[in-house]
Amino acid sequence: FFKDAENLLLLPDEIAVSCAEGLYTCSFTLTGEKINRDVHRFRVDIKAVTLHALSLYKENGIFIAESVFDV
């Protein structure tokens, strides 16, 4: 959304996952800058994130999120 609407390139900076009473919470901070097409080259432009095949699981102590992107 921000890439198309505000011409911003945002990336996760600090990510924290916590668990309380069996409920997991993920919080994060985004950092970024205005897109400069001379500097930021996109190989693929993502149109949308879908819920198709969305999964979130923990494997060997690491949280893994998988999703499908429309390009």
N, C-alpha and C. Protein backbone atom coordinates (compact mmCIF):
# COMPACT_ATOMS: atom_id res chain seq x y z
N PHE A 1 0.82 -1.20 0.00
CA PHE A 1 0.00 0.00 0.00
C PHE A 1 0.86 1.25 0.00
N PHE A 2 1.82 1.33 0.92
CA PHE A 2 2.63 2.53 1.04
C PHE A 2 3.50 2.75 -0.20
N LYS A 3 3.94 1.68 -0.83
CA LYS A 3 4.75 1.81 -2.04
C LYS A 3 3.95 2.52 -3.14
N ASP A 4 2.72 2.09 -3.33
CA ASP A 4 1.90 2.64 -4.40
C ASP A 4 1.24 3.97 -4.02
N ALA A 5 0.74 4.08 -2.80
CA ALA A 5 -0.01 5.27 -2.41
C ALA A 5 0.88 6.43 -1.99
N GLU A 6 1.97 6.14 -1.31
CA GLU A 6 2.82 7.19 -0.76
C GLU A 6 4.23 7.23 -1.35
N ASN A 7 4.51 6.34 -2.31
CA ASN A 7 5.84 6.24 -2.94
C ASN A 7 6.93 6.00 -1.90
N LEU A 8 6.63 5.10 -0.93
CA LEU A 8 7.56 4.79 0.15
C LEU A 8 8.02 3.34 0.07
N LEU A 9 9.28 3.14 0.35
CA LEU A 9 9.84 1.80 0.47
C LEU A 9 10.07 1.56 1.96
N LEU A 10 9.33 0.63 2.56
CA LEU A 10 9.42 0.36 3.99
C LEU A 10 9.91 -1.05 4.23
N LEU A 11 10.80 -1.21 5.20
CA LEU A 11 11.35 -2.51 5.57
C LEU A 11 11.27 -2.68 7.08
N PRO A 12 11.05 -3.92 7.56
CA PRO A 12 11.05 -4.14 9.01
C PRO A 12 12.44 -3.90 9.59
N ASP A 13 12.47 -3.24 10.74
CA ASP A 13 13.74 -2.93 11.40
C ASP A 13 13.88 -3.78 12.66
N GLU A 14 13.13 -3.48 13.67
CA GLU A 14 13.14 -4.25 14.90
C GLU A 14 11.89 -5.13 14.95
N ILE A 15 12.07 -6.42 15.21
CA ILE A 15 10.96 -7.36 15.28
C ILE A 15 11.02 -8.08 16.61
N ALA A 16 9.87 -8.17 17.28
CA ALA A 16 9.81 -8.88 18.55
C ALA A 16 8.58 -9.78 18.58
N VAL A 17 8.77 -11.01 19.02
CA VAL A 17 7.66 -11.95 19.18
C VAL A 17 7.62 -12.33 20.65
N SER A 18 6.42 -12.26 21.23
CA SER A 18 6.28 -12.64 22.63
C SER A 18 5.09 -13.58 22.79
N CYS A 19 5.09 -14.30 23.89
CA CYS A 19 4.00 -15.25 24.17
C CYS A 19 3.54 -15.03 25.61
N ALA A 20 2.24 -14.87 25.79
CA ALA A 20 1.65 -14.73 27.11
C ALA A 20 0.36 -15.54 27.13
N GLU A 21 0.28 -16.47 28.04
CA GLU A 21 -0.91 -17.32 28.20
C GLU A 21 -1.29 -18.01 26.90
N GLY A 22 -0.28 -18.47 26.15
CA GLY A 22 -0.53 -19.22 24.93
C GLY A 22 -0.86 -18.38 23.71
N LEU A 23 -0.86 -17.06 23.85
CA LEU A 23 -1.14 -16.16 22.72
C LEU A 23 0.15 -15.47 22.29
N TYR A 24 0.45 -15.56 21.02
CA TYR A 24 1.65 -14.95 20.48
C TYR A 24 1.35 -13.55 19.94
N THR A 25 2.27 -12.64 20.16
CA THR A 25 2.16 -11.28 19.66
C THR A 25 3.43 -10.92 18.92
N CYS A 26 3.27 -10.32 17.76
CA CYS A 26 4.41 -9.87 16.98
C CYS A 26 4.31 -8.35 16.84
N SER A 27 5.38 -7.66 17.18
CA SER A 27 5.42 -6.21 16.99
C SER A 27 6.70 -5.87 16.23
N PHE A 28 6.65 -4.80 15.49
CA PHE A 28 7.80 -4.43 14.67
C PHE A 28 7.80 -2.94 14.39
N THR A 29 8.96 -2.45 14.03
CA THR A 29 9.16 -1.07 13.62
C THR A 29 9.59 -1.08 12.16
N LEU A 30 8.97 -0.19 11.38
CA LEU A 30 9.34 -0.08 9.97
C LEU A 30 10.21 1.15 9.76
N THR A 31 11.20 1.01 8.91
CA THR A 31 12.00 2.16 8.49
C THR A 31 11.98 2.22 6.97
N GLY A 32 12.22 3.37 6.42
CA GLY A 32 12.21 3.45 4.98
C GLY A 32 12.53 4.82 4.46
N GLU A 33 12.26 4.97 3.17
CA GLU A 33 12.57 6.22 2.49
C GLU A 33 11.71 6.33 1.24
N LYS A 34 11.66 7.54 0.67
CA LYS A 34 10.95 7.75 -0.58
C LYS A 34 11.63 6.92 -1.67
N ILE A 35 10.84 6.37 -2.56
CA ILE A 35 11.37 5.56 -3.65
C ILE A 35 12.03 6.47 -4.69
N ASN A 36 13.25 6.13 -5.04
CA ASN A 36 13.99 6.80 -6.10
C ASN A 36 14.27 5.72 -7.14
N ARG A 37 13.61 5.78 -8.29
CA ARG A 37 13.72 4.73 -9.31
C ARG A 37 15.14 4.58 -9.87
N ASP A 38 15.99 5.59 -9.68
CA ASP A 38 17.38 5.46 -10.11
C ASP A 38 18.18 4.61 -9.13
N VAL A 39 17.73 4.56 -7.87
CA VAL A 39 18.43 3.81 -6.82
C VAL A 39 17.73 2.49 -6.52
N HIS A 40 16.41 2.52 -6.42
CA HIS A 40 15.63 1.33 -6.05
C HIS A 40 15.11 0.66 -7.31
N ARG A 41 15.68 -0.47 -7.63
CA ARG A 41 15.27 -1.23 -8.81
C ARG A 41 14.45 -2.44 -8.37
N PHE A 42 13.24 -2.57 -8.90
CA PHE A 42 12.35 -3.67 -8.55
C PHE A 42 12.35 -4.69 -9.67
N ARG A 43 12.65 -5.94 -9.33
CA ARG A 43 12.58 -7.02 -10.33
C ARG A 43 11.14 -7.44 -10.57
N VAL A 44 10.36 -7.45 -9.49
CA VAL A 44 8.95 -7.85 -9.55
C VAL A 44 8.16 -6.85 -8.73
N ASP A 45 6.98 -6.50 -9.20
CA ASP A 45 6.11 -5.59 -8.46
C ASP A 45 4.95 -6.39 -7.87
N ILE A 46 4.89 -6.46 -6.56
CA ILE A 46 3.82 -7.21 -5.89
C ILE A 46 2.53 -6.41 -5.95
N LYS A 47 1.45 -7.05 -6.46
CA LYS A 47 0.16 -6.40 -6.55
C LYS A 47 -0.63 -6.56 -5.25
N ALA A 48 -0.55 -7.76 -4.65
CA ALA A 48 -1.34 -8.01 -3.45
C ALA A 48 -0.81 -9.22 -2.70
N VAL A 49 -1.06 -9.23 -1.40
CA VAL A 49 -0.79 -10.40 -0.57
C VAL A 49 -2.12 -11.11 -0.41
N THR A 50 -2.14 -12.42 -0.56
CA THR A 50 -3.38 -13.16 -0.45
C THR A 50 -3.39 -14.01 0.82
N LEU A 51 -4.56 -14.47 1.21
CA LEU A 51 -4.68 -15.39 2.34
C LEU A 51 -4.54 -16.84 1.88
N HIS A 52 -4.45 -17.05 0.58
CA HIS A 52 -4.30 -18.40 0.04
C HIS A 52 -2.98 -19.00 0.53
N ALA A 53 -3.05 -20.16 1.12
CA ALA A 53 -1.89 -20.90 1.61
C ALA A 53 -1.13 -20.15 2.70
N LEU A 54 -1.79 -19.21 3.39
CA LEU A 54 -1.15 -18.49 4.48
C LEU A 54 -0.92 -19.44 5.64
N SER A 55 0.30 -19.44 6.17
CA SER A 55 0.57 -20.28 7.34
C SER A 55 1.62 -19.60 8.22
N LEU A 56 1.52 -19.84 9.50
CA LEU A 56 2.46 -19.34 10.48
C LEU A 56 2.73 -20.48 11.44
N TYR A 57 4.01 -20.82 11.60
CA TYR A 57 4.34 -21.93 12.49
C TYR A 57 5.73 -21.73 13.09
N LYS A 58 6.02 -22.52 14.10
CA LYS A 58 7.30 -22.45 14.78
C LYS A 58 8.05 -23.75 14.51
N GLU A 59 9.30 -23.62 14.05
CA GLU A 59 10.11 -24.78 13.73
C GLU A 59 11.52 -24.57 14.30
N ASN A 60 11.94 -25.49 15.14
CA ASN A 60 13.27 -25.39 15.78
C ASN A 60 13.48 -24.05 16.47
N GLY A 61 12.42 -23.56 17.14
CA GLY A 61 12.51 -22.31 17.88
C GLY A 61 12.43 -21.05 17.03
N ILE A 62 12.17 -21.19 15.73
CA ILE A 62 12.08 -20.04 14.83
C ILE A 62 10.66 -19.94 14.28
N PHE A 63 10.08 -18.74 14.30
CA PHE A 63 8.76 -18.53 13.72
C PHE A 63 8.90 -18.34 12.21
N ILE A 64 8.05 -19.02 11.47
CA ILE A 64 8.08 -18.95 10.01
C ILE A 64 6.69 -18.56 9.52
N ALA A 65 6.63 -17.53 8.68
CA ALA A 65 5.37 -17.11 8.05
C ALA A 65 5.51 -17.35 6.56
N GLU A 66 4.51 -17.97 5.98
CA GLU A 66 4.50 -18.22 4.54
C GLU A 66 3.22 -17.66 3.95
N SER A 67 3.33 -17.01 2.81
CA SER A 67 2.17 -16.41 2.16
C SER A 67 2.37 -16.46 0.65
N VAL A 68 1.31 -16.19 -0.07
CA VAL A 68 1.34 -16.14 -1.54
C VAL A 68 1.18 -14.67 -1.92
N PHE A 69 2.00 -14.23 -2.88
CA PHE A 69 1.92 -12.86 -3.37
C PHE A 69 1.47 -12.88 -4.83
N ASP A 70 0.54 -11.99 -5.19
CA ASP A 70 0.15 -11.80 -6.60
C ASP A 70 1.13 -10.82 -7.23
N VAL A 71 1.72 -11.23 -8.35
CA VAL A 71 2.66 -10.34 -9.03
C VAL A 71 2.17 -10.02 -10.43
